[in-house]
Amino acid sequence: MDEVLREFVTEALDSVESVDRELVRFEQEPTNAATLANIFRLVHTVKGTCGFLDLPRLEALSHAAESLIGQFRDGAVVTSDAVTLILQAIDRIKLILRHLEQVQTEPDGDDRDLIAALSEQPAT
């Protein structure tokens, strides 16, 4: 595996594991700005590196999750449905990362269903 890709996969897997824990905390304390900032930063880092490494599927999915998280930062009401969707996105990101770890390419498929669901969350 390319060394840069290997490092990215290792760091991204660590990041998404942290996001899982942070999201649980955030759902319990939706006004915790520090937790929200940490979640945003971790997902943003994954998304940003995907563009550099030409990983369009992973980039699109992480971008959709980041956008919804960004709405929370901008004051949108946090709902359990929205947090559940972000957790689903993180789970799918993990699947893609595990595939990358094994075969050095993104798996076939798309994430339009989940991306659409993330995008449809109201920004209230």
N, C-alpha and C. Protein backbone atom coordinates (compact mmCIF):
# COMPACT_ATOMS: atom_id res chain seq x y z
N MET A 1 0.85 -1.18 0.00
CA MET A 1 0.00 0.00 0.00
C MET A 1 0.89 1.24 0.00
N ASP A 2 0.49 2.21 -0.76
CA ASP A 2 1.18 3.48 -0.79
C ASP A 2 1.28 4.03 0.64
N GLU A 3 2.44 4.53 1.00
CA GLU A 3 2.67 4.99 2.37
C GLU A 3 1.72 6.13 2.78
N VAL A 4 1.46 7.06 1.88
CA VAL A 4 0.57 8.17 2.20
C VAL A 4 -0.85 7.63 2.44
N LEU A 5 -1.30 6.73 1.60
CA LEU A 5 -2.63 6.15 1.78
C LEU A 5 -2.70 5.35 3.07
N ARG A 6 -1.66 4.62 3.37
CA ARG A 6 -1.63 3.83 4.61
C ARG A 6 -1.75 4.75 5.84
N GLU A 7 -0.99 5.81 5.84
CA GLU A 7 -1.06 6.75 6.96
C GLU A 7 -2.44 7.38 7.07
N PHE A 8 -3.00 7.76 5.92
CA PHE A 8 -4.34 8.35 5.93
C PHE A 8 -5.36 7.38 6.52
N VAL A 9 -5.35 6.13 6.05
CA VAL A 9 -6.32 5.14 6.52
C VAL A 9 -6.17 4.93 8.03
N THR A 10 -4.95 4.80 8.49
CA THR A 10 -4.71 4.59 9.92
C THR A 10 -5.24 5.77 10.74
N GLU A 11 -4.90 6.99 10.33
CA GLU A 11 -5.34 8.18 11.06
C GLU A 11 -6.84 8.39 10.94
N ALA A 12 -7.39 8.13 9.76
CA ALA A 12 -8.83 8.32 9.57
C ALA A 12 -9.63 7.33 10.41
N LEU A 13 -9.17 6.09 10.49
CA LEU A 13 -9.86 5.12 11.34
C LEU A 13 -9.82 5.55 12.80
N ASP A 14 -8.70 6.05 13.24
CA ASP A 14 -8.61 6.58 14.61
C ASP A 14 -9.59 7.74 14.80
N SER A 15 -9.65 8.61 13.81
CA SER A 15 -10.54 9.78 13.90
C SER A 15 -12.00 9.37 13.97
N VAL A 16 -12.42 8.44 13.12
CA VAL A 16 -13.83 8.07 13.13
C VAL A 16 -14.22 7.32 14.39
N GLU A 17 -13.28 6.61 14.99
CA GLU A 17 -13.56 6.00 16.29
C GLU A 17 -13.79 7.10 17.34
N SER A 18 -13.00 8.15 17.27
CA SER A 18 -13.19 9.29 18.18
C SER A 18 -14.53 9.97 17.93
N VAL A 19 -14.91 10.10 16.66
CA VAL A 19 -16.17 10.73 16.32
C VAL A 19 -17.33 9.94 16.92
N ASP A 20 -17.27 8.62 16.86
CA ASP A 20 -18.32 7.80 17.47
C ASP A 20 -18.53 8.18 18.94
N ARG A 21 -17.44 8.22 19.68
CA ARG A 21 -17.54 8.56 21.11
C ARG A 21 -18.02 9.99 21.31
N GLU A 22 -17.51 10.90 20.52
CA GLU A 22 -17.89 12.31 20.64
C GLU A 22 -19.37 12.51 20.30
N LEU A 23 -19.88 11.77 19.31
CA LEU A 23 -21.29 11.92 18.95
C LEU A 23 -22.22 11.46 20.06
N VAL A 24 -21.83 10.39 20.75
CA VAL A 24 -22.63 9.95 21.89
C VAL A 24 -22.66 11.04 22.94
N ARG A 25 -21.52 11.62 23.21
CA ARG A 25 -21.43 12.73 24.18
C ARG A 25 -22.25 13.93 23.69
N PHE A 26 -22.14 14.23 22.41
CA PHE A 26 -22.84 15.38 21.84
C PHE A 26 -24.36 15.19 21.91
N GLU A 27 -24.83 13.98 21.66
CA GLU A 27 -26.27 13.74 21.72
C GLU A 27 -26.79 13.97 23.14
N GLN A 28 -25.97 13.65 24.12
CA GLN A 28 -26.35 13.87 25.52
C GLN A 28 -26.24 15.34 25.92
N GLU A 29 -25.29 16.05 25.29
CA GLU A 29 -25.04 17.47 25.60
C GLU A 29 -24.99 18.27 24.29
N PRO A 30 -26.13 18.48 23.61
CA PRO A 30 -26.11 19.12 22.29
C PRO A 30 -25.66 20.58 22.30
N THR A 31 -25.52 21.17 23.45
CA THR A 31 -25.04 22.56 23.49
C THR A 31 -23.54 22.64 23.79
N ASN A 32 -22.87 21.50 23.85
CA ASN A 32 -21.44 21.48 24.15
C ASN A 32 -20.65 21.87 22.89
N ALA A 33 -20.27 23.12 22.82
CA ALA A 33 -19.58 23.66 21.65
C ALA A 33 -18.23 23.00 21.41
N ALA A 34 -17.52 22.66 22.47
CA ALA A 34 -16.20 22.04 22.31
C ALA A 34 -16.31 20.66 21.69
N THR A 35 -17.30 19.89 22.11
CA THR A 35 -17.50 18.56 21.52
C THR A 35 -17.88 18.70 20.05
N LEU A 36 -18.78 19.60 19.75
CA LEU A 36 -19.20 19.82 18.37
C LEU A 36 -18.02 20.26 17.50
N ALA A 37 -17.19 21.14 18.01
CA ALA A 37 -16.02 21.60 17.26
C ALA A 37 -15.06 20.45 16.98
N ASN A 38 -14.90 19.56 17.95
CA ASN A 38 -14.02 18.42 17.77
C ASN A 38 -14.56 17.46 16.71
N ILE A 39 -15.86 17.20 16.75
CA ILE A 39 -16.48 16.33 15.74
C ILE A 39 -16.29 16.93 14.36
N PHE A 40 -16.58 18.22 14.23
CA PHE A 40 -16.46 18.89 12.95
C PHE A 40 -15.02 18.80 12.43
N ARG A 41 -14.07 19.08 13.29
CA ARG A 41 -12.66 19.06 12.88
C ARG A 41 -12.24 17.68 12.39
N LEU A 42 -12.64 16.64 13.10
CA LEU A 42 -12.25 15.28 12.71
C LEU A 42 -12.84 14.90 11.35
N VAL A 43 -14.12 15.18 11.15
CA VAL A 43 -14.76 14.85 9.87
C VAL A 43 -14.19 15.72 8.75
N HIS A 44 -13.94 16.99 9.04
CA HIS A 44 -13.37 17.90 8.06
C HIS A 44 -11.98 17.43 7.60
N THR A 45 -11.19 16.94 8.51
CA THR A 45 -9.85 16.46 8.18
C THR A 45 -9.93 15.26 7.25
N VAL A 46 -10.84 14.34 7.54
CA VAL A 46 -11.01 13.18 6.66
C VAL A 46 -11.43 13.65 5.27
N LYS A 47 -12.43 14.52 5.22
CA LYS A 47 -12.92 15.02 3.93
C LYS A 47 -11.82 15.70 3.14
N GLY A 48 -11.07 16.57 3.79
CA GLY A 48 -10.03 17.33 3.09
C GLY A 48 -8.95 16.45 2.50
N THR A 49 -8.57 15.42 3.20
CA THR A 49 -7.51 14.54 2.72
C THR A 49 -8.00 13.68 1.56
N CYS A 50 -9.29 13.37 1.53
CA CYS A 50 -9.84 12.55 0.45
C CYS A 50 -9.65 13.21 -0.91
N GLY A 51 -9.81 14.52 -0.97
CA GLY A 51 -9.60 15.22 -2.23
C GLY A 51 -8.17 15.10 -2.71
N PHE A 52 -7.25 15.20 -1.80
CA PHE A 52 -5.83 15.08 -2.12
C PHE A 52 -5.49 13.68 -2.62
N LEU A 53 -6.12 12.66 -2.04
CA LEU A 53 -5.82 11.26 -2.39
C LEU A 53 -6.74 10.70 -3.47
N ASP A 54 -7.62 11.53 -4.02
CA ASP A 54 -8.55 11.11 -5.07
C ASP A 54 -9.43 9.95 -4.60
N LEU A 55 -10.17 10.20 -3.54
CA LEU A 55 -11.11 9.22 -2.99
C LEU A 55 -12.51 9.85 -3.03
N PRO A 56 -13.12 9.90 -4.22
CA PRO A 56 -14.37 10.65 -4.38
C PRO A 56 -15.55 10.12 -3.56
N ARG A 57 -15.67 8.82 -3.41
CA ARG A 57 -16.79 8.29 -2.64
C ARG A 57 -16.68 8.69 -1.17
N LEU A 58 -15.52 8.51 -0.61
CA LEU A 58 -15.29 8.86 0.78
C LEU A 58 -15.41 10.37 0.99
N GLU A 59 -14.94 11.12 0.02
CA GLU A 59 -15.03 12.58 0.12
C GLU A 59 -16.48 13.05 0.10
N ALA A 60 -17.30 12.50 -0.78
CA ALA A 60 -18.70 12.92 -0.88
C ALA A 60 -19.46 12.60 0.41
N LEU A 61 -19.24 11.43 0.94
CA LEU A 61 -19.93 11.03 2.16
C LEU A 61 -19.49 11.87 3.36
N SER A 62 -18.20 12.06 3.50
CA SER A 62 -17.72 12.86 4.63
C SER A 62 -18.13 14.33 4.48
N HIS A 63 -18.22 14.81 3.24
CA HIS A 63 -18.68 16.18 3.00
C HIS A 63 -20.13 16.36 3.45
N ALA A 64 -20.99 15.38 3.14
CA ALA A 64 -22.39 15.46 3.55
C ALA A 64 -22.52 15.45 5.07
N ALA A 65 -21.75 14.60 5.73
CA ALA A 65 -21.78 14.57 7.20
C ALA A 65 -21.25 15.89 7.76
N GLU A 66 -20.17 16.38 7.20
CA GLU A 66 -19.60 17.65 7.66
C GLU A 66 -20.59 18.80 7.49
N SER A 67 -21.32 18.81 6.40
CA SER A 67 -22.29 19.88 6.15
C SER A 67 -23.38 19.91 7.22
N LEU A 68 -23.88 18.73 7.57
CA LEU A 68 -24.91 18.68 8.61
C LEU A 68 -24.33 19.11 9.97
N ILE A 69 -23.14 18.66 10.27
CA ILE A 69 -22.48 19.06 11.52
C ILE A 69 -22.26 20.58 11.52
N GLY A 70 -21.91 21.12 10.36
CA GLY A 70 -21.73 22.56 10.23
C GLY A 70 -23.02 23.33 10.52
N GLN A 71 -24.17 22.75 10.14
CA GLN A 71 -25.45 23.39 10.46
C GLN A 71 -25.64 23.48 11.97
N PHE A 72 -25.24 22.44 12.68
CA PHE A 72 -25.33 22.48 14.14
C PHE A 72 -24.45 23.60 14.69
N ARG A 73 -23.26 23.73 14.12
CA ARG A 73 -22.37 24.80 14.57
C ARG A 73 -22.99 26.16 14.34
N ASP A 74 -23.82 26.26 13.29
CA ASP A 74 -24.46 27.52 12.94
C ASP A 74 -25.76 27.75 13.70
N GLY A 75 -26.10 26.82 14.61
CA GLY A 75 -27.26 27.02 15.46
C GLY A 75 -28.48 26.16 15.16
N ALA A 76 -28.41 25.26 14.17
CA ALA A 76 -29.54 24.37 13.91
C ALA A 76 -29.81 23.50 15.13
N VAL A 77 -31.07 23.17 15.31
CA VAL A 77 -31.48 22.32 16.43
C VAL A 77 -30.97 20.90 16.19
N VAL A 78 -30.35 20.33 17.19
CA VAL A 78 -29.82 18.97 17.11
C VAL A 78 -30.96 18.01 17.43
N THR A 79 -31.19 17.06 16.50
CA THR A 79 -32.21 16.04 16.73
C THR A 79 -31.55 14.67 16.81
N SER A 80 -32.21 13.76 17.46
CA SER A 80 -31.65 12.41 17.54
C SER A 80 -31.61 11.76 16.16
N ASP A 81 -32.58 12.10 15.28
CA ASP A 81 -32.56 11.56 13.92
C ASP A 81 -31.31 12.02 13.17
N ALA A 82 -30.96 13.28 13.33
CA ALA A 82 -29.78 13.82 12.65
C ALA A 82 -28.51 13.16 13.18
N VAL A 83 -28.42 13.00 14.49
CA VAL A 83 -27.24 12.35 15.07
C VAL A 83 -27.16 10.90 14.61
N THR A 84 -28.30 10.23 14.52
CA THR A 84 -28.33 8.85 14.03
C THR A 84 -27.81 8.79 12.59
N LEU A 85 -28.21 9.73 11.75
CA LEU A 85 -27.72 9.76 10.37
C LEU A 85 -26.21 9.98 10.32
N ILE A 86 -25.72 10.86 11.17
CA ILE A 86 -24.27 11.09 11.19
C ILE A 86 -23.56 9.81 11.64
N LEU A 87 -24.10 9.13 12.63
CA LEU A 87 -23.51 7.85 13.06
C LEU A 87 -23.53 6.83 11.92
N GLN A 88 -24.60 6.80 11.14
CA GLN A 88 -24.66 5.90 9.99
C GLN A 88 -23.60 6.26 8.97
N ALA A 89 -23.40 7.56 8.77
CA ALA A 89 -22.35 7.99 7.84
C ALA A 89 -20.97 7.58 8.34
N ILE A 90 -20.76 7.71 9.63
CA ILE A 90 -19.46 7.32 10.20
C ILE A 90 -19.26 5.81 10.04
N ASP A 91 -20.30 5.03 10.25
CA ASP A 91 -20.19 3.58 10.06
C ASP A 91 -19.85 3.24 8.61
N ARG A 92 -20.47 3.94 7.67
CA ARG A 92 -20.17 3.67 6.26
C ARG A 92 -18.76 4.14 5.91
N ILE A 93 -18.34 5.25 6.48
CA ILE A 93 -16.96 5.72 6.28
C ILE A 93 -15.98 4.65 6.76
N LYS A 94 -16.28 4.05 7.91
CA LYS A 94 -15.41 2.98 8.43
C LYS A 94 -15.34 1.82 7.46
N LEU A 95 -16.48 1.44 6.88
CA LEU A 95 -16.49 0.33 5.90
C LEU A 95 -15.60 0.66 4.70
N ILE A 96 -15.72 1.88 4.21
CA ILE A 96 -14.91 2.29 3.07
C ILE A 96 -13.43 2.30 3.45
N LEU A 97 -13.12 2.80 4.63
CA LEU A 97 -11.72 2.83 5.08
C LEU A 97 -11.15 1.42 5.24
N ARG A 98 -11.94 0.51 5.78
CA ARG A 98 -11.48 -0.88 5.94
C ARG A 98 -11.22 -1.51 4.57
N HIS A 99 -12.05 -1.20 3.60
CA HIS A 99 -11.83 -1.71 2.25
C HIS A 99 -10.55 -1.12 1.66
N LEU A 100 -10.37 0.18 1.86
CA LEU A 100 -9.13 0.83 1.41
C LEU A 100 -7.91 0.18 2.04
N GLU A 101 -8.03 -0.15 3.31
CA GLU A 101 -6.93 -0.77 4.05
C GLU A 101 -6.57 -2.13 3.43
N GLN A 102 -7.58 -2.84 2.96
CA GLN A 102 -7.35 -4.19 2.43
C GLN A 102 -6.92 -4.21 0.97
N VAL A 103 -7.55 -3.37 0.13
CA VAL A 103 -7.28 -3.48 -1.31
C VAL A 103 -6.80 -2.18 -1.96
N GLN A 104 -6.61 -1.13 -1.19
CA GLN A 104 -6.06 0.14 -1.64
C GLN A 104 -6.94 0.89 -2.64
N THR A 105 -8.20 0.52 -2.77
CA THR A 105 -9.14 1.27 -3.60
C THR A 105 -10.48 1.35 -2.88
N GLU A 106 -11.24 2.36 -3.24
CA GLU A 106 -12.57 2.46 -2.68
C GLU A 106 -13.44 1.32 -3.19
N PRO A 107 -14.38 0.83 -2.39
CA PRO A 107 -15.27 -0.21 -2.86
C PRO A 107 -16.25 0.33 -3.90
N ASP A 108 -16.77 -0.55 -4.73
CA ASP A 108 -17.81 -0.15 -5.67
C ASP A 108 -19.05 0.25 -4.89
N GLY A 109 -19.88 1.02 -5.51
CA GLY A 109 -21.12 1.45 -4.89
C GLY A 109 -21.17 2.95 -4.75
N ASP A 110 -22.29 3.39 -4.24
CA ASP A 110 -22.42 4.82 -3.97
C ASP A 110 -23.20 4.99 -2.68
N ASP A 111 -23.27 6.20 -2.26
CA ASP A 111 -23.88 6.51 -0.97
C ASP A 111 -24.97 7.56 -1.12
N ARG A 112 -25.59 7.60 -2.30
CA ARG A 112 -26.59 8.62 -2.57
C ARG A 112 -27.72 8.61 -1.56
N ASP A 113 -28.12 7.42 -1.12
CA ASP A 113 -29.21 7.32 -0.16
C ASP A 113 -28.88 8.04 1.14
N LEU A 114 -27.71 7.77 1.66
CA LEU A 114 -27.30 8.37 2.92
C LEU A 114 -26.97 9.85 2.75
N ILE A 115 -26.33 10.19 1.66
CA ILE A 115 -26.00 11.59 1.38
C ILE A 115 -27.28 12.41 1.27
N ALA A 116 -28.28 11.86 0.58
CA ALA A 116 -29.57 12.56 0.45
C ALA A 116 -30.23 12.74 1.81
N ALA A 117 -30.20 11.70 2.62
CA ALA A 117 -30.81 11.79 3.96
C ALA A 117 -30.10 12.83 4.82
N LEU A 118 -28.77 12.87 4.75
CA LEU A 118 -28.01 13.87 5.49
C LEU A 118 -28.34 15.28 5.01
N SER A 119 -28.49 15.42 3.70
CA SER A 119 -28.76 16.73 3.10
C SER A 119 -30.18 17.21 3.37
N GLU A 120 -31.09 16.30 3.60
CA GLU A 120 -32.49 16.66 3.81
C GLU A 120 -32.81 17.07 5.24
N GLN A 121 -31.87 16.93 6.13
CA GLN A 121 -32.13 17.32 7.51
C GLN A 121 -32.37 18.82 7.56
N PRO A 122 -33.42 19.23 8.24
CA PRO A 122 -33.73 20.66 8.28
C PRO A 122 -32.71 21.46 9.09
N ALA A 123 -32.41 22.61 8.57
CA ALA A 123 -31.53 23.54 9.29
C ALA A 123 -32.40 24.55 10.00
N THR A 124 -32.82 24.22 11.21
CA THR A 124 -33.70 25.13 11.95
C THR A 124 -32.96 25.85 13.03
